[in-house]
Amino acid sequence: MYGSRKKVLIVDDSLVTRGQLSRLLQADGHTTEEAANGPDALTQVDAHCFDVAVVDVNLPAMNGLQLIQQFRAQARHRDLFVLVLTTESAPHLVRQGKALDVKGWLNKPFREEQLLSAIRTAPSRQSNAPVATGSG
């Protein structure tokens, strides 16, 4: 479903940026989780079903493009709607993002409405969320 509330993973090593994005997205009706690096983001996507991931390129431990490559390598996360929000604008990085099926590349500083509009267009994956079953 387009235009509905989304569950968004924000991946940025800056606490200030993560807080700013969380406040902005929550004010628009979305729920958010945060990760400061790639390994933390991978843990988060394994634990939750996100509609959107907003990923910075410059991350510790693994860069954002390597993280997106990890998402795409896992069947469960292959169709995750990914937006890159970064200070990087080198054409070769943007091409790498496109090859990884990144849905949008936004440069910091960003226009809030541009980010919100992109997130609002993302399809909801919540109907595909795994259902917990008890073992007995």
Protein backbone atom coordinates (compact mmCIF):
# COMPACT_ATOMS: atom_id res chain seq x y z
CA MET A 1 0.00 0.00 0.00
CA TYR A 2 1.45 3.36 -1.03
CA GLY A 3 1.11 6.54 1.00
CA SER A 4 0.55 4.76 4.31
CA ARG A 5 2.66 4.84 7.42
CA LYS A 6 5.99 3.16 6.90
CA LYS A 7 8.43 1.40 9.18
CA VAL A 8 11.79 3.02 8.41
CA LEU A 9 15.32 1.98 9.34
CA ILE A 10 17.69 4.96 9.55
CA VAL A 11 21.35 4.00 9.12
CA ASP A 12 23.79 6.82 9.82
CA ASP A 13 26.82 7.06 12.07
CA SER A 14 25.79 10.55 13.21
CA LEU A 15 23.56 10.51 16.28
CA VAL A 16 22.40 14.04 15.43
CA THR A 17 21.37 13.03 11.89
CA ARG A 18 19.59 9.91 13.11
CA GLY A 19 17.68 11.98 15.66
CA GLN A 20 16.76 14.62 13.09
CA LEU A 21 15.51 12.01 10.64
CA SER A 22 13.59 10.11 13.33
CA ARG A 23 11.78 13.27 14.46
CA LEU A 24 10.96 14.27 10.88
CA LEU A 25 9.64 10.84 9.91
CA GLN A 26 7.71 10.30 13.13
CA ALA A 27 6.04 13.70 12.70
CA ASP A 28 4.90 12.44 9.27
CA GLY A 29 3.35 9.35 10.88
CA HIS A 30 6.09 6.79 10.27
CA THR A 31 7.79 4.55 12.83
CA THR A 32 11.56 4.46 12.96
CA GLU A 33 14.45 2.39 14.22
CA GLU A 34 18.06 3.49 14.12
CA ALA A 35 21.41 1.87 13.39
CA ALA A 36 24.82 3.53 13.66
CA ASN A 37 26.68 1.11 11.37
CA GLY A 38 26.26 -1.71 8.89
CA PRO A 39 26.44 -4.68 11.29
CA ASP A 40 23.83 -3.05 13.56
CA ALA A 41 21.61 -2.42 10.52
CA LEU A 42 21.86 -6.08 9.47
CA THR A 43 20.81 -7.12 12.98
CA GLN A 44 17.86 -4.71 12.81
CA VAL A 45 16.61 -5.95 9.43
CA ASP A 46 16.79 -9.53 10.64
CA ALA A 47 14.69 -8.63 13.68
CA HIS A 48 12.08 -6.38 12.01
CA CYS A 49 10.25 -6.03 8.71
CA PHE A 50 11.05 -2.55 7.40
CA ASP A 51 9.35 -0.85 4.47
CA VAL A 52 12.24 1.55 3.87
CA ALA A 53 15.91 1.89 4.77
CA VAL A 54 17.55 5.32 4.64
CA VAL A 55 21.28 4.64 4.40
CA ASP A 56 24.36 6.88 4.52
CA VAL A 57 27.33 5.85 2.37
CA ASN A 58 29.96 6.78 4.96
CA LEU A 59 29.58 4.27 7.77
CA PRO A 60 32.05 2.56 10.08
CA ALA A 61 32.68 -1.20 9.79
CA MET A 62 31.13 -1.45 6.30
CA ASN A 63 30.11 1.37 4.00
CA GLY A 64 26.51 1.96 3.01
CA LEU A 65 26.89 0.43 -0.46
CA GLN A 66 28.35 -2.73 1.06
CA LEU A 67 25.39 -2.80 3.45
CA ILE A 68 22.91 -2.47 0.59
CA GLN A 69 24.74 -5.27 -1.21
CA GLN A 70 24.20 -7.43 1.91
CA PHE A 71 20.48 -6.56 1.86
CA ARG A 72 20.23 -7.59 -1.80
CA ALA A 73 22.07 -10.87 -1.17
CA GLN A 74 19.39 -12.04 1.27
CA ALA A 75 16.08 -13.14 -0.24
CA ARG A 76 14.08 -11.72 2.67
CA HIS A 77 15.53 -8.22 2.17
CA ARG A 78 16.07 -8.21 -1.59
CA ASP A 79 13.02 -6.00 -2.24
CA LEU A 80 13.69 -3.54 0.62
CA PHE A 81 13.07 0.03 -0.61
CA VAL A 82 16.43 1.78 -0.05
CA LEU A 83 17.15 5.49 -0.17
CA VAL A 84 20.69 6.80 0.12
CA LEU A 85 21.09 10.03 2.10
CA THR A 86 24.70 11.14 2.02
CA THR A 87 27.25 13.87 1.41
CA GLU A 88 28.72 11.75 -1.39
CA SER A 89 27.83 12.61 -4.97
CA ALA A 90 30.62 11.02 -7.03
CA PRO A 91 29.14 9.59 -10.24
CA HIS A 92 30.76 6.17 -9.72
CA LEU A 93 29.09 5.85 -6.30
CA VAL A 94 25.70 6.86 -7.69
CA ARG A 95 26.15 4.26 -10.47
CA GLN A 96 26.97 1.61 -7.85
CA GLY A 97 23.82 2.57 -5.98
CA LYS A 98 21.74 2.29 -9.13
CA ALA A 99 23.21 -1.15 -9.82
CA LEU A 100 22.06 -2.15 -6.31
CA ASP A 101 18.51 -0.95 -7.08
CA VAL A 102 18.67 2.09 -4.79
CA LYS A 103 15.35 3.93 -5.25
CA GLY A 104 16.72 7.42 -4.57
CA TRP A 105 20.03 9.21 -3.94
CA LEU A 106 19.61 12.35 -1.83
CA ASN A 107 22.48 14.62 -0.90
CA LYS A 108 22.97 16.27 2.49
CA PRO A 109 21.87 18.85 3.25
CA PHE A 110 18.54 17.54 2.00
CA ARG A 111 15.11 19.02 1.47
CA GLU A 112 12.74 17.48 4.00
CA GLU A 113 9.82 17.31 1.57
CA GLN A 114 11.95 15.47 -0.99
CA LEU A 115 12.80 12.75 1.55
CA LEU A 116 9.22 12.52 2.85
CA SER A 117 7.85 12.28 -0.69
CA ALA A 118 10.23 9.44 -1.54
CA ILE A 119 9.29 7.52 1.61
CA ARG A 120 5.58 8.03 1.01
CA THR A 121 5.90 6.38 -2.42
CA ALA A 122 7.51 3.23 -1.01
CA PRO A 123 5.33 0.14 -1.01
CA SER A 124 4.48 -1.40 2.33
CA ARG A 125 6.19 -4.71 3.05
CA GLN A 126 4.31 -5.28 6.31
CA SER A 127 1.93 -7.77 4.69
CA ASN A 128 5.04 -9.85 3.92
CA ALA A 129 6.24 -9.81 7.52
CA PRO A 130 7.07 -13.22 8.95
CA VAL A 131 4.49 -14.62 11.31
CA ALA A 132 5.76 -15.91 14.61
CA THR A 133 4.68 -19.43 15.37
CA GLY A 134 4.97 -21.30 18.60
CA SER A 135 6.74 -24.61 18.69
CA GLY A 136 5.15 -27.31 20.60
